[in-house]
PDB file of N, CA and C in Angstrom:
ATOM      1  N   MET A   1      93.481  84.274 -57.773  1.00  0.00           N
ATOM      2  CA  MET A   1      93.478  85.563 -57.129  1.00  0.00           C
ATOM      3  C   MET A   1      92.781  85.512 -55.779  1.00  0.00           C
ATOM      4  N   PHE A   2      91.641  84.840 -55.696  1.00  0.00           N
ATOM      5  CA  PHE A   2      90.900  84.784 -54.443  1.00  0.00           C
ATOM      6  C   PHE A   2      91.301  83.599 -53.568  1.00  0.00           C
ATOM      7  N   ASN A   3      92.322  82.847 -53.979  1.00  0.00           N
ATOM      8  CA  ASN A   3      92.772  81.717 -53.172  1.00  0.00           C
ATOM      9  C   ASN A   3      93.514  82.176 -51.931  1.00  0.00           C
ATOM     10  N   ASN A   4      94.146  83.325 -51.991  1.00  0.00           N
ATOM     11  CA  ASN A   4      94.880  83.871 -50.866  1.00  0.00           C
ATOM     12  C   ASN A   4      93.891  84.563 -49.913  1.00  0.00           C
ATOM     13  N   PRO A   5      93.757  84.079 -48.657  1.00  0.00           N
ATOM     14  CA  PRO A   5      92.776  84.677 -47.745  1.00  0.00           C
ATOM     15  C   PRO A   5      93.059  86.137 -47.415  1.00  0.00           C
ATOM     16  N   SER A   6      94.310  86.532 -47.369  1.00  0.00           N
ATOM     17  CA  SER A   6      94.636  87.933 -47.080  1.00  0.00           C
ATOM     18  C   SER A   6      94.171  88.847 -48.202  1.00  0.00           C
ATOM     19  N   ARG A   7      94.408  88.433 -49.420  1.00  0.00           N
ATOM     20  CA  ARG A   7      93.986  89.227 -50.570  1.00  0.00           C
ATOM     21  C   ARG A   7      92.461  89.321 -50.627  1.00  0.00           C
ATOM     22  N   ARG A   8      91.789  88.225 -50.351  1.00  0.00           N
ATOM     23  CA  ARG A   8      90.333  88.213 -50.350  1.00  0.00           C
ATOM     24  C   ARG A   8      89.785  89.145 -49.273  1.00  0.00           C
ATOM     25  N   THR A   9      90.400  89.148 -48.099  1.00  0.00           N
ATOM     26  CA  THR A   9      89.971  90.025 -47.015  1.00  0.00           C
ATOM     27  C   THR A   9      90.136  91.486 -47.395  1.00  0.00           C
ATOM     28  N   ILE A  10      91.269  91.835 -47.981  1.00  0.00           N
ATOM     29  CA  ILE A  10      91.511  93.223 -48.383  1.00  0.00           C
ATOM     30  C   ILE A  10      90.508  93.663 -49.445  1.00  0.00           C
ATOM     31  N   ILE A  11      90.231  92.807 -50.407  1.00  0.00           N
ATOM     32  CA  ILE A  11      89.274  93.151 -51.461  1.00  0.00           C
ATOM     33  C   ILE A  11      87.874  93.313 -50.886  1.00  0.00           C
ATOM     34  N   LEU A  12      87.479  92.435 -49.979  1.00  0.00           N
ATOM     35  CA  LEU A  12      86.155  92.546 -49.366  1.00  0.00           C
ATOM     36  C   LEU A  12      86.037  93.789 -48.490  1.00  0.00           C
ATOM     37  N   ILE A  13      87.083  94.147 -47.774  1.00  0.00           N
ATOM     38  CA  ILE A  13      87.063  95.370 -46.967  1.00  0.00           C
ATOM     39  C   ILE A  13      86.928  96.584 -47.875  1.00  0.00           C
ATOM     40  N   TRP A  14      87.708  96.630 -48.963  1.00  0.00           N
ATOM     41  CA  TRP A  14      87.618  97.753 -49.888  1.00  0.00           C
ATOM     42  C   TRP A  14      86.237  97.823 -50.529  1.00  0.00           C
ATOM     43  N   LEU A  15      85.701  96.683 -50.949  1.00  0.00           N
ATOM     44  CA  LEU A  15      84.384  96.661 -51.569  1.00  0.00           C
ATOM     45  C   LEU A  15      83.311  97.127 -50.592  1.00  0.00           C
ATOM     46  N   GLY A  16      83.386  96.683 -49.348  1.00  0.00           N
ATOM     47  CA  GLY A  16      82.444  97.140 -48.329  1.00  0.00           C
ATOM     48  C   GLY A  16      82.538  98.633 -48.093  1.00  0.00           C
ATOM     49  N   TRP A  17      83.761  99.163 -48.049  1.00  0.00           N
ATOM     50  CA  TRP A  17      83.959 100.600 -47.859  1.00  0.00           C
ATOM     51  C   TRP A  17      83.365 101.383 -49.027  1.00  0.00           C
ATOM     52  N   ALA A  18      83.585 100.901 -50.247  1.00  0.00           N
ATOM     53  CA  ALA A  18      83.063 101.593 -51.422  1.00  0.00           C
ATOM     54  C   ALA A  18      81.538 101.596 -51.429  1.00  0.00           C
ATOM     55  N   VAL A  19      80.927 100.482 -51.069  1.00  0.00           N
ATOM     56  CA  VAL A  19      79.468 100.406 -51.015  1.00  0.00           C
ATOM     57  C   VAL A  19      78.923 101.354 -49.949  1.00  0.00           C
ATOM     58  N   ILE A  20      79.553 101.394 -48.792  1.00  0.00           N
ATOM     59  CA  ILE A  20      79.110 102.275 -47.712  1.00  0.00           C
ATOM     60  C   ILE A  20      79.212 103.741 -48.133  1.00  0.00           C
ATOM     61  N   MET A  21      80.310 104.129 -48.757  1.00  0.00           N
ATOM     62  CA  MET A  21      80.491 105.523 -49.163  1.00  0.00           C
ATOM     63  C   MET A  21      79.471 105.935 -50.231  1.00  0.00           C
ATOM     64  N   LEU A  22      79.232 105.083 -51.213  1.00  0.00           N
ATOM     65  CA  LEU A  22      78.266 105.412 -52.250  1.00  0.00           C
ATOM     66  C   LEU A  22      76.839 105.405 -51.709  1.00  0.00           C
ATOM     67  N   ALA A  23      76.540 104.482 -50.823  1.00  0.00           N
ATOM     68  CA  ALA A  23      75.205 104.436 -50.220  1.00  0.00           C
ATOM     69  C   ALA A  23      74.964 105.650 -49.333  1.00  0.00           C
ATOM     70  N   TYR A  24      75.980 106.095 -48.635  1.00  0.00           N
ATOM     71  CA  TYR A  24      75.845 107.270 -47.778  1.00  0.00           C
ATOM     72  C   TYR A  24      75.469 108.505 -48.597  1.00  0.00           C
ATOM     73  N   HIS A  25      76.142 108.692 -49.734  1.00  0.00           N
ATOM     74  CA  HIS A  25      75.858 109.858 -50.571  1.00  0.00           C
ATOM     75  C   HIS A  25      74.490 109.773 -51.235  1.00  0.00           C
ATOM     76  N   ALA A  26      73.943 108.595 -51.368  1.00  0.00           N
ATOM     77  CA  ALA A  26      72.600 108.455 -51.918  1.00  0.00           C
ATOM     78  C   ALA A  26      71.545 108.540 -50.821  1.00  0.00           C
ATOM     79  N   TRP A  27      71.859 108.028 -49.641  1.00  0.00           N
ATOM     80  CA  TRP A  27      70.876 107.939 -48.567  1.00  0.00           C
ATOM     81  C   TRP A  27      70.653 109.264 -47.853  1.00  0.00           C
ATOM     82  N   VAL A  28      71.690 109.986 -47.553  1.00  0.00           N
ATOM     83  CA  VAL A  28      71.554 111.218 -46.768  1.00  0.00           C
ATOM     84  C   VAL A  28      70.675 112.252 -47.466  1.00  0.00           C
ATOM     85  N   PRO A  29      70.914 112.589 -48.738  1.00  0.00           N
ATOM     86  CA  PRO A  29      70.004 113.559 -49.361  1.00  0.00           C
ATOM     87  C   PRO A  29      68.576 113.044 -49.505  1.00  0.00           C
ATOM     88  N   ALA A  30      68.407 111.738 -49.612  1.00  0.00           N
ATOM     89  CA  ALA A  30      67.062 111.185 -49.716  1.00  0.00           C
ATOM     90  C   ALA A  30      66.353 111.193 -48.361  1.00  0.00           C
ATOM     91  N   ARG A  31      67.103 111.127 -47.281  1.00  0.00           N
ATOM     92  CA  ARG A  31      66.529 111.030 -45.939  1.00  0.00           C
ATOM     93  C   ARG A  31      66.331 112.394 -45.288  1.00  0.00           C
ATOM     94  N   PHE A  32      67.272 113.300 -45.506  1.00  0.00           N
ATOM     95  CA  PHE A  32      67.231 114.594 -44.848  1.00  0.00           C
ATOM     96  C   PHE A  32      67.056 115.698 -45.884  1.00  0.00           C
ATOM     97  N   ARG A  33      66.184 116.628 -45.585  1.00  0.00           N
ATOM     98  CA  ARG A  33      65.946 117.749 -46.478  1.00  0.00           C
ATOM     99  C   ARG A  33      66.917 118.867 -46.117  1.00  0.00           C
ATOM    100  N   VAL A  34      67.672 119.303 -47.089  1.00  0.00           N
ATOM    101  CA  VAL A  34      68.627 120.372 -46.886  1.00  0.00           C
ATOM    102  C   VAL A  34      67.896 121.701 -47.070  1.00  0.00           C
ATOM    103  N   VAL A  35      67.959 122.549 -46.051  1.00  0.00           N
ATOM    104  CA  VAL A  35      67.336 123.862 -46.120  1.00  0.00           C
ATOM    105  C   VAL A  35      68.396 124.852 -46.574  1.00  0.00           C
ATOM    106  N   ARG A  36      68.174 125.477 -47.708  1.00  0.00           N
ATOM    107  CA  ARG A  36      69.137 126.404 -48.270  1.00  0.00           C
ATOM    108  C   ARG A  36      68.616 127.820 -48.154  1.00  0.00           C
ATOM    109  N   PRO A  37      69.448 128.780 -48.001  1.00  0.00           N
ATOM    110  CA  PRO A  37      70.883 128.707 -47.768  1.00  0.00           C
ATOM    111  C   PRO A  37      71.200 128.388 -46.317  1.00  0.00           C
ATOM    112  N   ASP A  38      72.364 127.860 -46.100  1.00  0.00           N
ATOM    113  CA  ASP A  38      72.842 127.538 -44.758  1.00  0.00           C
ATOM    114  C   ASP A  38      73.489 128.792 -44.171  1.00  0.00           C
ATOM    115  N   ASN A  39      72.953 129.291 -43.088  1.00  0.00           N
ATOM    116  CA  ASN A  39      73.464 130.512 -42.467  1.00  0.00           C
ATOM    117  C   ASN A  39      74.274 130.239 -41.213  1.00  0.00           C
ATOM    118  N   ALA A  40      74.852 129.066 -41.101  1.00  0.00           N
ATOM    119  CA  ALA A  40      75.608 128.714 -39.902  1.00  0.00           C
ATOM    120  C   ALA A  40      76.854 129.584 -39.743  1.00  0.00           C
ATOM    121  N   LEU A  41      77.541 129.880 -40.820  1.00  0.00           N
ATOM    122  CA  LEU A  41      78.731 130.722 -40.797  1.00  0.00           C
ATOM    123  C   LEU A  41      78.570 131.820 -41.842  1.00  0.00           C
ATOM    124  N   PHE A  42      79.418 132.826 -41.779  1.00  0.00           N
ATOM    125  CA  PHE A  42      79.269 133.965 -42.688  1.00  0.00           C
ATOM    126  C   PHE A  42      79.476 133.590 -44.149  1.00  0.00           C
ATOM    127  N   TRP A  43      80.257 132.558 -44.446  1.00  0.00           N
ATOM    128  CA  TRP A  43      80.544 132.193 -45.828  1.00  0.00           C
ATOM    129  C   TRP A  43      79.672 131.071 -46.359  1.00  0.00           C
ATOM    130  N   THR A  44      78.893 130.390 -45.505  1.00  0.00           N
ATOM    131  CA  THR A  44      78.143 129.226 -45.963  1.00  0.00           C
ATOM    132  C   THR A  44      76.893 129.583 -46.762  1.00  0.00           C
ATOM    133  N   ALA A  45      76.354 130.761 -46.581  1.00  0.00           N
ATOM    134  CA  ALA A  45      75.153 131.130 -47.342  1.00  0.00           C
ATOM    135  C   ALA A  45      75.453 131.207 -48.833  1.00  0.00           C
ATOM    136  N   ASP A  46      76.602 131.786 -49.198  1.00  0.00           N
ATOM    137  CA  ASP A  46      76.954 131.880 -50.618  1.00  0.00           C
ATOM    138  C   ASP A  46      77.245 130.520 -51.235  1.00  0.00           C
ATOM    139  N   SER A  47      77.865 129.636 -50.481  1.00  0.00           N
ATOM    140  CA  SER A  47      78.245 128.343 -51.054  1.00  0.00           C
ATOM    141  C   SER A  47      77.130 127.310 -51.003  1.00  0.00           C
ATOM    142  N   THR A  48      76.000 127.621 -50.369  1.00  0.00           N
ATOM    143  CA  THR A  48      74.910 126.655 -50.301  1.00  0.00           C
ATOM    144  C   THR A  48      73.617 127.174 -50.897  1.00  0.00           C
ATOM    145  N   ARG A  49      73.671 128.302 -51.570  1.00  0.00           N
ATOM    146  CA  ARG A  49      72.450 128.795 -52.188  1.00  0.00           C
ATOM    147  C   ARG A  49      72.055 127.887 -53.355  1.00  0.00           C
ATOM    148  N   ILE A  50      70.828 127.963 -53.732  1.00  0.00           N
ATOM    149  CA  ILE A  50      70.296 127.069 -54.760  1.00  0.00           C
ATOM    150  C   ILE A  50      70.813 127.495 -56.129  1.00  0.00           C
ATOM    151  N   GLY A  51      71.573 126.628 -56.736  1.00  0.00           N
ATOM    152  CA  GLY A  51      72.059 126.830 -58.089  1.00  0.00           C
ATOM    153  C   GLY A  51      73.013 128.001 -58.245  1.00  0.00           C
ATOM    154  N   GLY A  52      73.868 127.901 -59.215  1.00  0.00           N
ATOM    155  CA  GLY A  52      74.716 129.005 -59.596  1.00  0.00           C
ATOM    156  C   GLY A  52      76.026 129.148 -58.856  1.00  0.00           C
ATOM    157  N   PHE A  53      76.219 128.439 -57.761  1.00  0.00           N
ATOM    158  CA  PHE A  53      77.446 128.645 -56.990  1.00  0.00           C
ATOM    159  C   PHE A  53      78.666 128.137 -57.741  1.00  0.00           C
ATOM    160  N   GLN A  54      78.521 127.036 -58.446  1.00  0.00           N
ATOM    161  CA  GLN A  54      79.668 126.457 -59.134  1.00  0.00           C
ATOM    162  C   GLN A  54      79.716 126.832 -60.612  1.00  0.00           C
ATOM    163  N   ASP A  55      78.897 127.783 -61.035  1.00  0.00           N
ATOM    164  CA  ASP A  55      78.888 128.173 -62.444  1.00  0.00           C
ATOM    165  C   ASP A  55      80.211 128.757 -62.898  1.00  0.00           C
ATOM    166  N   GLN A  56      80.927 129.434 -62.021  1.00  0.00           N
ATOM    167  CA  GLN A  56      82.200 130.042 -62.388  1.00  0.00           C
ATOM    168  C   GLN A  56      83.385 129.101 -62.175  1.00  0.00           C
ATOM    169  N   LYS A  57      83.146 127.904 -61.680  1.00  0.00           N
ATOM    170  CA  LYS A  57      84.217 126.936 -61.440  1.00  0.00           C
ATOM    171  C   LYS A  57      84.504 126.166 -62.731  1.00  0.00           C
ATOM    172  N   TYR A  58      85.692 126.315 -63.260  1.00  0.00           N
ATOM    173  CA  TYR A  58      86.054 125.746 -64.557  1.00  0.00           C
ATOM    174  C   TYR A  58      85.960 124.223 -64.577  1.00  0.00           C
ATOM    175  N   TYR A  59      86.447 123.553 -63.550  1.00  0.00           N
ATOM    176  CA  TYR A  59      86.512 122.089 -63.538  1.00  0.00           C
ATOM    177  C   TYR A  59      85.269 121.424 -62.956  1.00  0.00           C
ATOM    178  N   LEU A  60      84.311 122.185 -62.472  1.00  0.00           N
ATOM    179  CA  LEU A  60      83.132 121.592 -61.844  1.00  0.00           C
ATOM    180  C   LEU A  60      81.872 121.772 -62.678  1.00  0.00           C
ATOM    181  N   GLN A  61      82.003 121.945 -63.973  1.00  0.00           N
ATOM    182  CA  GLN A  61      80.854 122.135 -64.855  1.00  0.00           C
ATOM    183  C   GLN A  61      80.177 120.830 -65.248  1.00  0.00           C
ATOM    184  N   ASP A  62      80.895 119.726 -65.222  1.00  0.00           N
ATOM    185  CA  ASP A  62      80.337 118.434 -65.602  1.00  0.00           C
ATOM    186  C   ASP A  62      79.394 117.945 -64.510  1.00  0.00           C
ATOM    187  N   PRO A  63      78.149 117.591 -64.844  1.00  0.00           N
ATOM    188  CA  PRO A  63      77.205 117.168 -63.808  1.00  0.00           C
ATOM    189  C   PRO A  63      77.517 115.807 -63.177  1.00  0.00           C
ATOM    190  N   PHE A  64      78.455 115.072 -63.760  1.00  0.00           N
ATOM    191  CA  PHE A  64      78.822 113.768 -63.216  1.00  0.00           C
ATOM    192  C   PHE A  64      79.409 113.919 -61.817  1.00  0.00           C
ATOM    193  N   LEU A  65      78.891 113.230 -60.876  1.00  0.00           N
ATOM    194  CA  LEU A  65      79.320 113.261 -59.472  1.00  0.00           C
ATOM    195  C   LEU A  65      79.178 114.646 -58.833  1.00  0.00           C
ATOM    196  N   SER A  66      78.229 115.440 -59.294  1.00  0.00           N
ATOM    197  CA  SER A  66      78.092 116.794 -58.760  1.00  0.00           C
ATOM    198  C   SER A  66      77.733 116.798 -57.279  1.00  0.00           C
ATOM    199  N   SER A  67      77.122 115.754 -56.785  1.00  0.00           N
ATOM    200  CA  SER A  67      76.806 115.712 -55.350  1.00  0.00           C
ATOM    201  C   SER A  67      78.006 115.305 -54.508  1.00  0.00           C
ATOM    202  N   HIS A  68      79.106 114.944 -55.150  1.00  0.00           N
ATOM    203  CA  HIS A  68      80.284 114.483 -54.418  1.00  0.00           C
ATOM    204  C   HIS A  68      81.402 115.511 -54.346  1.00  0.00           C
ATOM    205  N   VAL A  69      81.202 116.689 -54.881  1.00  0.00           N
ATOM    206  CA  VAL A  69      82.269 117.683 -54.868  1.00  0.00           C
ATOM    207  C   VAL A  69      82.070 118.666 -53.731  1.00  0.00           C
ATOM    208  N   ALA A  70      83.154 119.253 -53.304  1.00  0.00           N
ATOM    209  CA  ALA A  70      83.127 120.262 -52.258  1.00  0.00           C
ATOM    210  C   ALA A  70      83.822 121.515 -52.770  1.00  0.00           C
ATOM    211  N   TRP A  71      83.924 122.507 -51.926  1.00  0.00           N
ATOM    212  CA  TRP A  71      84.502 123.788 -52.346  1.00  0.00           C
ATOM    213  C   TRP A  71      85.951 123.658 -52.802  1.00  0.00           C
ATOM    214  N   ASP A  72      86.681 122.681 -52.283  1.00  0.00           N
ATOM    215  CA  ASP A  72      88.089 122.544 -52.641  1.00  0.00           C
ATOM    216  C   ASP A  72      88.327 121.549 -53.778  1.00  0.00           C
ATOM    217  N   SER A  73      87.286 120.965 -54.319  1.00  0.00           N
ATOM    218  CA  SER A  73      87.450 119.972 -55.381  1.00  0.00           C
ATOM    219  C   SER A  73      88.093 120.558 -56.621  1.00  0.00           C
ATOM    220  N   GLU A  74      87.747 121.801 -56.939  1.00  0.00           N
ATOM    221  CA  GLU A  74      88.324 122.391 -58.144  1.00  0.00           C
ATOM    222  C   GLU A  74      89.836 122.532 -58.037  1.00  0.00           C
ATOM    223  N   TYR A  75      90.355 122.756 -56.847  1.00  0.00           N
ATOM    224  CA  TYR A  75      91.803 122.901 -56.681  1.00  0.00           C
ATOM    225  C   TYR A  75      92.514 121.557 -56.869  1.00  0.00           C
ATOM    226  N   TYR A  76      91.933 120.491 -56.345  1.00  0.00           N
ATOM    227  CA  TYR A  76      92.532 119.170 -56.526  1.00  0.00           C
ATOM    228  C   TYR A  76      92.485 118.746 -57.991  1.00  0.00           C
ATOM    229  N   LEU A  77      91.371 119.013 -58.661  1.00  0.00           N
ATOM    230  CA  LEU A  77      91.277 118.682 -60.077  1.00  0.00           C
ATOM    231  C   LEU A  77      92.244 119.519 -60.906  1.00  0.00           C
ATOM    232  N   ALA A  78      92.395 120.789 -60.563  1.00  0.00           N
ATOM    233  CA  ALA A  78      93.319 121.654 -61.300  1.00  0.00           C
ATOM    234  C   ALA A  78      94.758 121.186 -61.145  1.00  0.00           C
ATOM    235  N   ILE A  79      95.134 120.762 -59.944  1.00  0.00           N
ATOM    236  CA  ILE A  79      96.483 120.260 -59.724  1.00  0.00           C
ATOM    237  C   ILE A  79      96.702 118.967 -60.511  1.00  0.00           C
ATOM    238  N   ALA A  80      95.688 118.094 -60.517  1.00  0.00           N
ATOM    239  CA  ALA A  80      95.823 116.828 -61.232  1.00  0.00           C
ATOM    240  C   ALA A  80      95.897 117.027 -62.741  1.00  0.00           C
ATOM    241  N   ILE A  81      95.149 117.990 -63.264  1.00  0.00           N
ATOM    242  CA  ILE A  81      95.087 118.175 -64.710  1.00  0.00           C
ATOM    243  C   ILE A  81      96.160 119.128 -65.215  1.00  0.00           C
ATOM    244  N   GLY A  82      96.313 120.277 -64.555  1.00  0.00           N
ATOM    245  CA  GLY A  82      97.198 121.299 -65.079  1.00  0.00           C
ATOM    246  C   GLY A  82      98.399 121.631 -64.226  1.00  0.00           C
ATOM    247  N   GLY A  83      98.564 120.941 -63.118  1.00  0.00           N
ATOM    248  CA  GLY A  83      99.689 121.231 -62.240  1.00  0.00           C
ATOM    249  C   GLY A  83      99.391 122.403 -61.315  1.00  0.00           C
ATOM    250  N   TYR A  84     100.378 122.802 -60.546  1.00  0.00           N
ATOM    251  CA  TYR A  84     100.189 123.855 -59.558  1.00  0.00           C
ATOM    252  C   TYR A  84     100.000 125.231 -60.176  1.00  0.00           C
ATOM    253  N   GLU A  85     100.409 125.418 -61.400  1.00  0.00           N
ATOM    254  CA  GLU A  85     100.288 126.716 -62.052  1.00  0.00           C
ATOM    255  C   GLU A  85      99.142 126.750 -63.061  1.00  0.00           C
ATOM    256  N   ASP A  86      98.100 125.968 -62.838  1.00  0.00           N
ATOM    257  CA  ASP A  86      96.966 125.926 -63.750  1.00  0.00           C
ATOM    258  C   ASP A  86      96.290 127.291 -63.784  1.00  0.00           C
ATOM    259  N   PRO A  87      96.104 127.866 -64.962  1.00  0.00           N
ATOM    260  CA  PRO A  87      95.500 129.202 -65.048  1.00  0.00           C
ATOM    261  C   PRO A  87      93.983 129.214 -64.937  1.00  0.00           C
ATOM    262  N   ASN A  88      93.335 128.050 -64.861  1.00  0.00           N
ATOM    263  CA  ASN A  88      91.879 127.992 -64.891  1.00  0.00           C
ATOM    264  C   ASN A  88      91.220 128.121 -63.525  1.00  0.00           C
ATOM    265  N   VAL A  89      91.982 128.269 -62.471  1.00  0.00           N
ATOM    266  CA  VAL A  89      91.387 128.415 -61.142  1.00  0.00           C
ATOM    267  C   VAL A  89      91.919 129.682 -60.493  1.00  0.00           C
ATOM    268  N   ASP A  90      91.117 130.218 -59.574  1.00  0.00           N
ATOM    269  CA  ASP A  90      91.573 131.379 -58.809  1.00  0.00           C
ATOM    270  C   ASP A  90      92.567 130.921 -57.772  1.00  0.00           C
ATOM    271  N   ARG A  91      93.617 131.674 -57.647  1.00  0.00           N
ATOM    272  CA  ARG A  91      94.634 131.330 -56.649  1.00  0.00           C
ATOM    273  C   ARG A  91      94.324 132.016 -55.339  1.00  0.00           C
ATOM    274  N   VAL A  92      94.703 131.369 -54.274  1.00  0.00           N
ATOM    275  CA  VAL A  92      94.533 131.940 -52.949  1.00  0.00           C
ATOM    276  C   VAL A  92      95.810 132.680 -52.596  1.00  0.00           C
ATOM    277  N   GLY A  93      95.678 133.922 -52.211  1.00  0.00           N
ATOM    278  CA  GLY A  93      96.839 134.693 -51.757  1.00  0.00           C
ATOM    279  C   GLY A  93      97.626 135.338 -52.848  1.00  0.00           C
TER     280      GLY A  93
END
């Protein structure tokens, strides 16, 4: 498998990218203190308040990878699990 230099290069690039992405998510919160709530925009205060924002999100209850989800994660998970007509998420429009 590793005899082919092209395959080895692709695997090493992917592995480096994965390490960088995981290290970034561990390093940034450890290095910078997030001041909550964020009042930069009218909607950011509600989505960045301490605790409780994702309590009503059906697919975001599992604490696994909770620092890696964003406001649109529940929609992607709902599409992957239940399709476009999943009843467990609020629809837009």
